[in-house]
Amino acid sequence: MKFSFGFSQNIAIFLRPSDSLNKQRRNSVVLSESILASGALIGLNQLWYADFTHSKLHSVNDNEEWLQMDKAGHLFSSYHLGVFGANALKWSGCNKKSQLLYGATIGLAFMSTVEIFDGYSSEWGFSWGDMLANTTGTSLYVSQELFWNEQRIVPKFSFHTTQFASIRPNVLGNSLSQQILKDYNGQTYWLSVNVHSFFKDSKIPKWLNIALGYGADGMITGKSETNDVFMYPETKRTRQFYLTLDADLTKIDTKSHFLKSIFLIFNSIKIPAPTIEINSLGGIKFHHLYF
């Protein structure tokens, strides 16, 4: 029991952000992020790009593909990579300016590098639409810190399996882990708004959020007009808009830095809840529990 208590204390001390600049921590953050980013890019190059021929740097206009679900994914990824980078520098004791300038922009830097990889691949191309989404994700984090000194609006993600992955598994995913990344039909992206942050004098629980979601359905290929070429069954490509309740886990009061770290990590995932859906076909649905 003494060992367990001592270990817990050490973890708590380790996770507690430094009150002033801790150069050892800062250097560890920079080195760790550099190694992780380099490893991720090398792995991505081998797993994603190695099977396709290289080309000169070129751009493509893919703004009409997948009903812009991929753009929502870029915004989400850039935002949360920035959250990680900024909080890592906060942990090391860096000031607010450094957190925003060097930490929050990590997502934009990483996603921009991936976009350049796309630009040199004959299969894809550099997308200015993706870059706009990446920039928007980073700007969403930075602007809220500058104006409010807190994150009142947080992009979140949820997923459910769909029937479309089995029709084209090489693109939409063979396994659950692949489908979470590739099957845009099952993805939903949310903007989760913390109510108490806008009404601080109210008795509204600090953790209570209202979430607005966007999803799409009926997509087997990026563009609907290519379905006939691939001889896939006809589908109705549908935009879906959602309204529901959510929770901001970072607003839950706790003195535990371990729990604060866990809450920060899982705050990127939308909590399942009863949800109202309005789709582009004019339909209105109520989901008792939407994932």
C-alpha atoms as a PDB file:
ATOM      1  CA  MET A   1       0.000   0.000   0.000  1.00  0.00           C
ATOM      2  CA  LYS A   2       2.851   2.390   0.819  1.00  0.00           C
ATOM      3  CA  PHE A   3       4.427   1.659  -2.584  1.00  0.00           C
ATOM      4  CA  SER A   4       1.123   2.285  -4.361  1.00  0.00           C
ATOM      5  CA  PHE A   5       0.578   5.561  -2.491  1.00  0.00           C
ATOM      6  CA  GLY A   6       4.120   6.707  -3.194  1.00  0.00           C
ATOM      7  CA  PHE A   7       3.806   5.823  -6.870  1.00  0.00           C
ATOM      8  CA  SER A   8       0.532   7.769  -7.125  1.00  0.00           C
ATOM      9  CA  GLN A   9       2.182  10.770  -5.496  1.00  0.00           C
ATOM     10  CA  ASN A  10       5.066  10.645  -7.966  1.00  0.00           C
ATOM     11  CA  ILE A  11       2.649  10.489 -10.907  1.00  0.00           C
ATOM     12  CA  ALA A  12       0.715  13.463  -9.526  1.00  0.00           C
ATOM     13  CA  ILE A  13       3.910  15.496  -9.109  1.00  0.00           C
ATOM     14  CA  PHE A  14       5.088  14.552 -12.604  1.00  0.00           C
ATOM     15  CA  LEU A  15       1.811  15.588 -14.250  1.00  0.00           C
ATOM     16  CA  ARG A  16       1.527  18.882 -12.379  1.00  0.00           C
ATOM     17  CA  PRO A  17       2.380  21.796 -14.724  1.00  0.00           C
ATOM     18  CA  SER A  18       5.502  23.715 -13.759  1.00  0.00           C
ATOM     19  CA  ASP A  19       4.953  27.198 -12.275  1.00  0.00           C
ATOM     20  CA  SER A  20       7.965  28.537 -14.159  1.00  0.00           C
ATOM     21  CA  LEU A  21      10.016  27.487 -17.153  1.00  0.00           C
ATOM     22  CA  ASN A  22      11.530  24.060 -16.596  1.00  0.00           C
ATOM     23  CA  LYS A  23      14.166  23.742 -19.306  1.00  0.00           C
ATOM     24  CA  GLN A  24      14.575  20.005 -18.788  1.00  0.00           C
ATOM     25  CA  ARG A  25      10.857  19.483 -19.319  1.00  0.00           C
ATOM     26  CA  ARG A  26      10.793  21.835 -22.304  1.00  0.00           C
ATOM     27  CA  ASN A  27      13.701  20.072 -23.960  1.00  0.00           C
ATOM     28  CA  SER A  28      12.051  16.707 -23.309  1.00  0.00           C
ATOM     29  CA  VAL A  29       8.833  17.975 -24.930  1.00  0.00           C
ATOM     30  CA  VAL A  30      10.652  19.265 -28.006  1.00  0.00           C
ATOM     31  CA  LEU A  31      12.689  16.062 -28.382  1.00  0.00           C
ATOM     32  CA  SER A  32       9.689  13.763 -27.823  1.00  0.00           C
ATOM     33  CA  GLU A  33       7.496  15.662 -30.273  1.00  0.00           C
ATOM     34  CA  SER A  34      10.242  15.659 -32.894  1.00  0.00           C
ATOM     35  CA  ILE A  35      10.733  11.898 -32.559  1.00  0.00           C
ATOM     36  CA  LEU A  36       6.984  11.179 -32.605  1.00  0.00           C
ATOM     37  CA  ALA A  37       6.348  13.437 -35.607  1.00  0.00           C
ATOM     38  CA  SER A  38       9.298  12.029 -37.561  1.00  0.00           C
ATOM     39  CA  GLY A  39       8.269   8.459 -36.792  1.00  0.00           C
ATOM     40  CA  ALA A  40       4.667   9.151 -37.785  1.00  0.00           C
ATOM     41  CA  LEU A  41       5.710  10.737 -41.090  1.00  0.00           C
ATOM     42  CA  ILE A  42       8.136   7.922 -41.910  1.00  0.00           C
ATOM     43  CA  GLY A  43       5.511   5.315 -41.094  1.00  0.00           C
ATOM     44  CA  LEU A  44       2.895   7.189 -43.103  1.00  0.00           C
ATOM     45  CA  ASN A  45       5.238   7.364 -46.073  1.00  0.00           C
ATOM     46  CA  GLN A  46       5.828   3.615 -45.968  1.00  0.00           C
ATOM     47  CA  LEU A  47       2.241   2.537 -45.322  1.00  0.00           C
ATOM     48  CA  TRP A  48       0.332   5.099 -47.362  1.00  0.00           C
ATOM     49  CA  TYR A  49       2.538   6.424 -50.164  1.00  0.00           C
ATOM     50  CA  ALA A  50       5.092   3.707 -50.895  1.00  0.00           C
ATOM     51  CA  ASP A  51       2.777   1.760 -53.230  1.00  0.00           C
ATOM     52  CA  PHE A  52       2.144   4.776 -55.462  1.00  0.00           C
ATOM     53  CA  THR A  53       4.490   6.483 -57.896  1.00  0.00           C
ATOM     54  CA  HIS A  54       5.907   9.892 -57.073  1.00  0.00           C
ATOM     55  CA  SER A  55       5.257  12.936 -59.209  1.00  0.00           C
ATOM     56  CA  LYS A  56       6.089  16.607 -59.374  1.00  0.00           C
ATOM     57  CA  LEU A  57       4.470  18.755 -56.735  1.00  0.00           C
ATOM     58  CA  HIS A  58       0.932  19.388 -57.954  1.00  0.00           C
ATOM     59  CA  SER A  59      -2.386  20.486 -56.512  1.00  0.00           C
ATOM     60  CA  VAL A  60      -5.925  19.133 -56.854  1.00  0.00           C
ATOM     61  CA  ASN A  61      -9.350  20.562 -56.153  1.00  0.00           C
ATOM     62  CA  ASP A  62     -11.112  17.955 -54.022  1.00  0.00           C
ATOM     63  CA  ASN A  63     -13.493  20.339 -52.283  1.00  0.00           C
ATOM     64  CA  GLU A  64     -16.570  18.568 -53.671  1.00  0.00           C
ATOM     65  CA  GLU A  65     -15.516  15.087 -52.575  1.00  0.00           C
ATOM     66  CA  TRP A  66     -17.031  13.088 -49.691  1.00  0.00           C
ATOM     67  CA  LEU A  67     -19.496  15.938 -48.984  1.00  0.00           C
ATOM     68  CA  GLN A  68     -16.604  17.750 -47.224  1.00  0.00           C
ATOM     69  CA  MET A  69     -16.373  15.155 -44.454  1.00  0.00           C
ATOM     70  CA  ASP A  70     -12.623  14.888 -45.042  1.00  0.00           C
ATOM     71  CA  LYS A  71     -12.311  18.649 -44.498  1.00  0.00           C
ATOM     72  CA  ALA A  72     -14.076  18.329 -41.143  1.00  0.00           C
ATOM     73  CA  GLY A  73     -11.530  15.642 -40.262  1.00  0.00           C
ATOM     74  CA  HIS A  74      -8.641  17.959 -41.105  1.00  0.00           C
ATOM     75  CA  LEU A  75     -10.075  20.696 -38.880  1.00  0.00           C
ATOM     76  CA  PHE A  76     -10.559  18.230 -36.012  1.00  0.00           C
ATOM     77  CA  SER A  77      -7.038  16.789 -36.305  1.00  0.00           C
ATOM     78  CA  SER A  78      -5.294  20.147 -36.563  1.00  0.00           C
ATOM     79  CA  TYR A  79      -7.205  21.483 -33.546  1.00  0.00           C
ATOM     80  CA  HIS A  80      -6.478  18.561 -31.232  1.00  0.00           C
ATOM     81  CA  LEU A  81      -2.837  18.236 -32.221  1.00  0.00           C
ATOM     82  CA  GLY A  82      -2.605  21.909 -31.290  1.00  0.00           C
ATOM     83  CA  VAL A  83      -4.275  21.215 -27.940  1.00  0.00           C
ATOM     84  CA  PHE A  84      -1.666  18.537 -27.270  1.00  0.00           C
ATOM     85  CA  GLY A  85       1.217  20.803 -28.276  1.00  0.00           C
ATOM     86  CA  ALA A  86       0.046  23.781 -26.233  1.00  0.00           C
ATOM     87  CA  ASN A  87      -0.616  21.729 -23.094  1.00  0.00           C
ATOM     88  CA  ALA A  88       2.748  19.986 -23.390  1.00  0.00           C
ATOM     89  CA  LEU A  89       4.479  23.379 -23.298  1.00  0.00           C
ATOM     90  CA  LYS A  90       2.197  24.508 -20.466  1.00  0.00           C
ATOM     91  CA  TRP A  91       3.331  21.431 -18.520  1.00  0.00           C
ATOM     92  CA  SER A  92       6.948  22.471 -19.043  1.00  0.00           C
ATOM     93  CA  GLY A  93       6.266  25.971 -17.702  1.00  0.00           C
ATOM     94  CA  CYS A  94       6.441  27.914 -20.969  1.00  0.00           C
ATOM     95  CA  ASN A  95       4.539  31.184 -21.056  1.00  0.00           C
ATOM     96  CA  LYS A  96       1.249  31.685 -22.874  1.00  0.00           C
ATOM     97  CA  LYS A  97       2.871  33.237 -25.926  1.00  0.00           C
ATOM     98  CA  SER A  98       5.158  30.224 -26.419  1.00  0.00           C
ATOM     99  CA  GLN A  99       2.265  27.822 -25.896  1.00  0.00           C
ATOM    100  CA  LEU A 100       0.298  29.446 -28.710  1.00  0.00           C
ATOM    101  CA  LEU A 101       3.182  30.218 -31.043  1.00  0.00           C
ATOM    102  CA  TYR A 102       5.106  26.949 -30.811  1.00  0.00           C
ATOM    103  CA  GLY A 103       2.622  24.509 -29.283  1.00  0.00           C
ATOM    104  CA  ALA A 104      -0.787  25.212 -30.779  1.00  0.00           C
ATOM    105  CA  THR A 105       0.685  25.372 -34.295  1.00  0.00           C
ATOM    106  CA  ILE A 106       2.039  21.819 -34.183  1.00  0.00           C
ATOM    107  CA  GLY A 107      -1.152  20.509 -35.731  1.00  0.00           C
ATOM    108  CA  LEU A 108      -0.910  22.932 -38.642  1.00  0.00           C
ATOM    109  CA  ALA A 109       2.768  22.107 -39.198  1.00  0.00           C
ATOM    110  CA  PHE A 110       2.208  18.336 -39.134  1.00  0.00           C
ATOM    111  CA  MET A 111      -0.892  18.382 -41.324  1.00  0.00           C
ATOM    112  CA  SER A 112       0.822  20.733 -43.796  1.00  0.00           C
ATOM    113  CA  THR A 113       3.707  18.272 -44.109  1.00  0.00           C
ATOM    114  CA  VAL A 114       1.230  15.476 -44.853  1.00  0.00           C
ATOM    115  CA  GLU A 115      -0.346  17.710 -47.486  1.00  0.00           C
ATOM    116  CA  ILE A 116       3.036  18.170 -49.166  1.00  0.00           C
ATOM    117  CA  PHE A 117       3.408  14.380 -49.213  1.00  0.00           C
ATOM    118  CA  ASP A 118       0.064  14.273 -51.027  1.00  0.00           C
ATOM    119  CA  GLY A 119       1.362  16.854 -53.480  1.00  0.00           C
ATOM    120  CA  TYR A 120       4.260  14.633 -54.509  1.00  0.00           C
ATOM    121  CA  SER A 121       2.063  11.548 -54.926  1.00  0.00           C
ATOM    122  CA  SER A 122       0.521  10.716 -58.304  1.00  0.00           C
ATOM    123  CA  GLU A 123      -2.529   9.261 -56.540  1.00  0.00           C
ATOM    124  CA  TRP A 124      -3.415  12.446 -54.685  1.00  0.00           C
ATOM    125  CA  GLY A 125      -2.279  16.060 -54.777  1.00  0.00           C
ATOM    126  CA  PHE A 126      -1.814  19.135 -52.620  1.00  0.00           C
ATOM    127  CA  SER A 127      -5.256  20.392 -51.599  1.00  0.00           C
ATOM    128  CA  TRP A 128      -5.813  24.042 -50.760  1.00  0.00           C
ATOM    129  CA  GLY A 129      -9.167  23.017 -49.269  1.00  0.00           C
ATOM    130  CA  ASP A 130      -7.366  20.719 -46.832  1.00  0.00           C
ATOM    131  CA  MET A 131      -4.959  23.509 -45.955  1.00  0.00           C
ATOM    132  CA  LEU A 132      -7.852  25.868 -45.237  1.00  0.00           C
ATOM    133  CA  ALA A 133      -9.379  23.257 -42.928  1.00  0.00           C
ATOM    134  CA  ASN A 134      -6.021  22.726 -41.182  1.00  0.00           C
ATOM    135  CA  THR A 135      -5.626  26.472 -40.662  1.00  0.00           C
ATOM    136  CA  THR A 136      -9.194  26.783 -39.381  1.00  0.00           C
ATOM    137  CA  GLY A 137      -8.620  24.073 -36.793  1.00  0.00           C
ATOM    138  CA  THR A 138      -5.496  25.770 -35.437  1.00  0.00           C
ATOM    139  CA  SER A 139      -7.145  29.201 -35.553  1.00  0.00           C
ATOM    140  CA  LEU A 140     -10.138  27.919 -33.601  1.00  0.00           C
ATOM    141  CA  TYR A 141      -7.886  26.959 -30.701  1.00  0.00           C
ATOM    142  CA  VAL A 142      -5.627  30.033 -30.780  1.00  0.00           C
ATOM    143  CA  SER A 143      -8.426  32.579 -31.179  1.00  0.00           C
ATOM    144  CA  GLN A 144     -10.364  31.221 -28.182  1.00  0.00           C
ATOM    145  CA  GLU A 145      -7.260  31.371 -26.007  1.00  0.00           C
ATOM    146  CA  LEU A 146      -6.639  34.974 -27.080  1.00  0.00           C
ATOM    147  CA  PHE A 147     -10.235  36.192 -26.680  1.00  0.00           C
ATOM    148  CA  TRP A 148     -11.527  34.070 -23.785  1.00  0.00           C
ATOM    149  CA  ASN A 149      -8.439  32.405 -22.273  1.00  0.00           C
ATOM    150  CA  GLU A 150     -10.367  29.125 -22.418  1.00  0.00           C
ATOM    151  CA  GLN A 151     -11.854  26.700 -24.929  1.00  0.00           C
ATOM    152  CA  ARG A 152     -15.586  27.301 -25.061  1.00  0.00           C
ATOM    153  CA  ILE A 153     -16.132  25.551 -28.409  1.00  0.00           C
ATOM    154  CA  VAL A 154     -14.438  22.173 -28.880  1.00  0.00           C
ATOM    155  CA  PRO A 155     -14.463  20.002 -32.041  1.00  0.00           C
ATOM    156  CA  LYS A 156     -15.366  16.403 -31.205  1.00  0.00           C
ATOM    157  CA  PHE A 157     -15.694  13.084 -33.010  1.00  0.00           C
ATOM    158  CA  SER A 158     -17.964  10.043 -32.920  1.00  0.00           C
ATOM    159  CA  PHE A 159     -18.302   6.949 -35.102  1.00  0.00           C
ATOM    160  CA  HIS A 160     -20.676   4.098 -35.923  1.00  0.00           C
ATOM    161  CA  THR A 161     -20.249   1.270 -38.421  1.00  0.00           C
ATOM    162  CA  THR A 162     -22.162   1.375 -41.718  1.00  0.00           C
ATOM    163  CA  GLN A 163     -23.201  -0.955 -44.540  1.00  0.00           C
ATOM    164  CA  PHE A 164     -21.055   0.861 -47.096  1.00  0.00           C
ATOM    165  CA  ALA A 165     -17.653  -0.352 -45.893  1.00  0.00           C
ATOM    166  CA  SER A 166     -18.427  -3.905 -47.031  1.00  0.00           C
ATOM    167  CA  ILE A 167     -19.234  -2.645 -50.552  1.00  0.00           C
ATOM    168  CA  ARG A 168     -15.811  -1.032 -51.006  1.00  0.00           C
ATOM    169  CA  PRO A 169     -13.555  -2.239 -48.167  1.00  0.00           C
ATOM    170  CA  ASN A 170     -10.295  -1.324 -49.906  1.00  0.00           C
ATOM    171  CA  VAL A 171     -11.265   2.355 -49.633  1.00  0.00           C
ATOM    172  CA  LEU A 172     -13.676   2.465 -46.693  1.00  0.00           C
ATOM    173  CA  GLY A 173     -11.831  -0.053 -44.530  1.00  0.00           C
ATOM    174  CA  ASN A 174     -11.619  -3.795 -43.891  1.00  0.00           C
ATOM    175  CA  SER A 175     -11.488  -3.667 -40.102  1.00  0.00           C
ATOM    176  CA  LEU A 176     -13.083  -1.482 -37.435  1.00  0.00           C
ATOM    177  CA  SER A 177      -9.861   0.464 -36.896  1.00  0.00           C
ATOM    178  CA  GLN A 178      -9.607   1.194 -40.634  1.00  0.00           C
ATOM    179  CA  GLN A 179     -13.283   2.115 -40.913  1.00  0.00           C
ATOM    180  CA  ILE A 180     -12.992   4.651 -38.090  1.00  0.00           C
ATOM    181  CA  LEU A 181     -10.392   6.469 -40.203  1.00  0.00           C
ATOM    182  CA  LYS A 182     -11.750   5.828 -43.704  1.00  0.00           C
ATOM    183  CA  ASP A 183     -15.525   5.338 -43.686  1.00  0.00           C
ATOM    184  CA  TYR A 184     -16.853   8.892 -43.828  1.00  0.00           C
ATOM    185  CA  ASN A 185     -20.414   7.522 -43.703  1.00  0.00           C
ATOM    186  CA  GLY A 186     -19.943   6.508 -40.075  1.00  0.00           C
ATOM    187  CA  GLN A 187     -18.064   9.583 -38.913  1.00  0.00           C
ATOM    188  CA  THR A 188     -19.719  12.541 -37.234  1.00  0.00           C
ATOM    189  CA  TYR A 189     -17.900  15.768 -36.396  1.00  0.00           C
ATOM    190  CA  TRP A 190     -19.220  18.061 -33.694  1.00  0.00           C
ATOM    191  CA  LEU A 191     -18.803  21.561 -32.353  1.00  0.00           C
ATOM    192  CA  SER A 192     -19.465  21.148 -28.640  1.00  0.00           C
ATOM    193  CA  VAL A 193     -20.328  24.464 -26.976  1.00  0.00           C
ATOM    194  CA  ASN A 194     -19.948  24.931 -23.232  1.00  0.00           C
ATOM    195  CA  VAL A 195     -23.065  26.752 -22.002  1.00  0.00           C
ATOM    196  CA  HIS A 196     -21.732  27.928 -18.637  1.00  0.00           C
ATOM    197  CA  SER A 197     -18.785  29.683 -20.301  1.00  0.00           C
ATOM    198  CA  PHE A 198     -21.211  32.089 -21.961  1.00  0.00           C
ATOM    199  CA  PHE A 199     -23.404  32.511 -18.845  1.00  0.00           C
ATOM    200  CA  LYS A 200     -20.923  32.463 -15.986  1.00  0.00           C
ATOM    201  CA  ASP A 201     -23.336  33.949 -13.426  1.00  0.00           C
ATOM    202  CA  SER A 202     -25.923  31.231 -14.030  1.00  0.00           C
ATOM    203  CA  LYS A 203     -26.440  27.993 -12.120  1.00  0.00           C
ATOM    204  CA  ILE A 204     -25.912  25.924 -15.271  1.00  0.00           C
ATOM    205  CA  PRO A 205     -23.465  23.044 -14.566  1.00  0.00           C
ATOM    206  CA  LYS A 206     -19.959  23.978 -15.696  1.00  0.00           C
ATOM    207  CA  TRP A 207     -19.595  20.747 -17.673  1.00  0.00           C
ATOM    208  CA  LEU A 208     -22.870  20.972 -19.646  1.00  0.00           C
ATOM    209  CA  ASN A 209     -22.493  21.426 -23.423  1.00  0.00           C
ATOM    210  CA  ILE A 210     -24.767  21.753 -26.424  1.00  0.00           C
ATOM    211  CA  ALA A 211     -23.349  19.969 -29.480  1.00  0.00           C
ATOM    212  CA  LEU A 212     -23.991  20.644 -33.161  1.00  0.00           C
ATOM    213  CA  GLY A 213     -22.968  17.769 -35.438  1.00  0.00           C
ATOM    214  CA  TYR A 214     -22.365  17.185 -39.132  1.00  0.00           C
ATOM    215  CA  GLY A 215     -22.289  13.843 -40.923  1.00  0.00           C
ATOM    216  CA  ALA A 216     -22.999  12.335 -44.342  1.00  0.00           C
ATOM    217  CA  ASP A 217     -24.354   9.084 -45.709  1.00  0.00           C
ATOM    218  CA  GLY A 218     -24.596   7.110 -48.953  1.00  0.00           C
ATOM    219  CA  MET A 219     -20.995   7.677 -50.062  1.00  0.00           C
ATOM    220  CA  ILE A 220     -19.156   4.820 -51.759  1.00  0.00           C
ATOM    221  CA  THR A 221     -16.859   7.043 -53.817  1.00  0.00           C
ATOM    222  CA  GLY A 222     -15.598  10.579 -53.394  1.00  0.00           C
ATOM    223  CA  LYS A 223     -17.866  11.952 -56.111  1.00  0.00           C
ATOM    224  CA  SER A 224     -21.337  10.629 -56.859  1.00  0.00           C
ATOM    225  CA  GLU A 225     -20.943  10.855 -60.627  1.00  0.00           C
ATOM    226  CA  THR A 226     -18.222   8.184 -60.550  1.00  0.00           C
ATOM    227  CA  ASN A 227     -20.489   5.493 -59.078  1.00  0.00           C
ATOM    228  CA  ASP A 228     -21.556   4.232 -62.512  1.00  0.00           C
ATOM    229  CA  VAL A 229     -17.939   3.841 -63.570  1.00  0.00           C
ATOM    230  CA  PHE A 230     -17.211   1.462 -60.690  1.00  0.00           C
ATOM    231  CA  MET A 231     -20.556  -0.394 -61.039  1.00  0.00           C
ATOM    232  CA  TYR A 232     -21.534   0.243 -57.420  1.00  0.00           C
ATOM    233  CA  PRO A 233     -25.176   0.221 -56.317  1.00  0.00           C
ATOM    234  CA  GLU A 234     -26.998   3.523 -56.539  1.00  0.00           C
ATOM    235  CA  THR A 235     -27.120   5.440 -53.258  1.00  0.00           C
ATOM    236  CA  LYS A 236     -28.524   8.753 -52.072  1.00  0.00           C
ATOM    237  CA  ARG A 237     -25.748  10.988 -50.813  1.00  0.00           C
ATOM    238  CA  THR A 238     -27.182  12.766 -47.804  1.00  0.00           C
ATOM    239  CA  ARG A 239     -25.966  15.498 -45.484  1.00  0.00           C
ATOM    240  CA  GLN A 240     -26.971  15.095 -41.840  1.00  0.00           C
ATOM    241  CA  PHE A 241     -27.143  17.752 -39.134  1.00  0.00           C
ATOM    242  CA  TYR A 242     -27.467  16.910 -35.445  1.00  0.00           C
ATOM    243  CA  LEU A 243     -28.414  18.619 -32.190  1.00  0.00           C
ATOM    244  CA  THR A 244     -27.793  17.052 -28.789  1.00  0.00           C
ATOM    245  CA  LEU A 245     -26.312  17.490 -25.322  1.00  0.00           C
ATOM    246  CA  ASP A 246     -22.703  16.776 -24.399  1.00  0.00           C
ATOM    247  CA  ALA A 247     -20.233  17.202 -21.558  1.00  0.00           C
ATOM    248  CA  ASP A 248     -16.974  19.135 -21.380  1.00  0.00           C
ATOM    249  CA  LEU A 249     -14.835  16.779 -19.325  1.00  0.00           C
ATOM    250  CA  THR A 250     -12.192  19.455 -18.728  1.00  0.00           C
ATOM    251  CA  LYS A 251     -14.769  21.505 -16.803  1.00  0.00           C
ATOM    252  CA  ILE A 252     -15.265  18.784 -14.185  1.00  0.00           C
ATOM    253  CA  ASP A 253     -13.775  20.002 -10.893  1.00  0.00           C
ATOM    254  CA  THR A 254     -10.901  17.855  -9.676  1.00  0.00           C
ATOM    255  CA  LYS A 255      -7.550  18.498  -8.036  1.00  0.00           C
ATOM    256  CA  SER A 256      -6.060  15.362  -9.563  1.00  0.00           C
ATOM    257  CA  HIS A 257      -3.652  16.193 -12.399  1.00  0.00           C
ATOM    258  CA  PHE A 258      -3.911  12.585 -13.512  1.00  0.00           C
ATOM    259  CA  LEU A 259      -7.677  12.896 -13.967  1.00  0.00           C
ATOM    260  CA  LYS A 260      -7.243  16.280 -15.645  1.00  0.00           C
ATOM    261  CA  SER A 261      -4.917  14.655 -18.189  1.00  0.00           C
ATOM    262  CA  ILE A 262      -7.352  11.797 -18.811  1.00  0.00           C
ATOM    263  CA  PHE A 263     -10.272  14.214 -19.182  1.00  0.00           C
ATOM    264  CA  LEU A 264      -8.286  16.331 -21.644  1.00  0.00           C
ATOM    265  CA  ILE A 265      -7.499  13.302 -23.819  1.00  0.00           C
ATOM    266  CA  PHE A 266     -11.053  11.951 -23.907  1.00  0.00           C
ATOM    267  CA  ASN A 267     -12.629  15.379 -24.353  1.00  0.00           C
ATOM    268  CA  SER A 268     -12.110  14.959 -28.108  1.00  0.00           C
ATOM    269  CA  ILE A 269     -14.778  12.218 -28.187  1.00  0.00           C
ATOM    270  CA  LYS A 270     -18.484  13.044 -28.241  1.00  0.00           C
ATOM    271  CA  ILE A 271     -20.459  11.319 -25.480  1.00  0.00           C
ATOM    272  CA  PRO A 272     -23.405   9.260 -26.848  1.00  0.00           C
ATOM    273  CA  ALA A 273     -26.738  10.923 -26.074  1.00  0.00           C
ATOM    274  CA  PRO A 274     -30.318  11.304 -27.363  1.00  0.00           C
ATOM    275  CA  THR A 275     -30.039  13.263 -30.611  1.00  0.00           C
ATOM    276  CA  ILE A 276     -32.210  15.085 -33.134  1.00  0.00           C
ATOM    277  CA  GLU A 277     -31.211  14.663 -36.804  1.00  0.00           C
ATOM    278  CA  ILE A 278     -32.236  16.807 -39.770  1.00  0.00           C
ATOM    279  CA  ASN A 279     -30.989  15.630 -43.183  1.00  0.00           C
ATOM    280  CA  SER A 280     -30.735  17.194 -46.621  1.00  0.00           C
ATOM    281  CA  LEU A 281     -33.618  15.038 -47.919  1.00  0.00           C
ATOM    282  CA  GLY A 282     -35.987  16.896 -45.597  1.00  0.00           C
ATOM    283  CA  GLY A 283     -36.207  14.116 -43.043  1.00  0.00           C
ATOM    284  CA  ILE A 284     -36.235  14.549 -39.265  1.00  0.00           C
ATOM    285  CA  LYS A 285     -35.229  11.681 -36.984  1.00  0.00           C
ATOM    286  CA  PHE A 286     -34.853  11.171 -33.244  1.00  0.00           C
ATOM    287  CA  HIS A 287     -32.073   8.854 -32.045  1.00  0.00           C
ATOM    288  CA  HIS A 288     -32.509   7.515 -28.521  1.00  0.00           C
ATOM    289  CA  LEU A 289     -28.730   7.132 -28.285  1.00  0.00           C
ATOM    290  CA  TYR A 290     -26.551   8.380 -31.131  1.00  0.00           C
ATOM    291  CA  PHE A 291     -22.926   7.360 -31.585  1.00  0.00           C
END
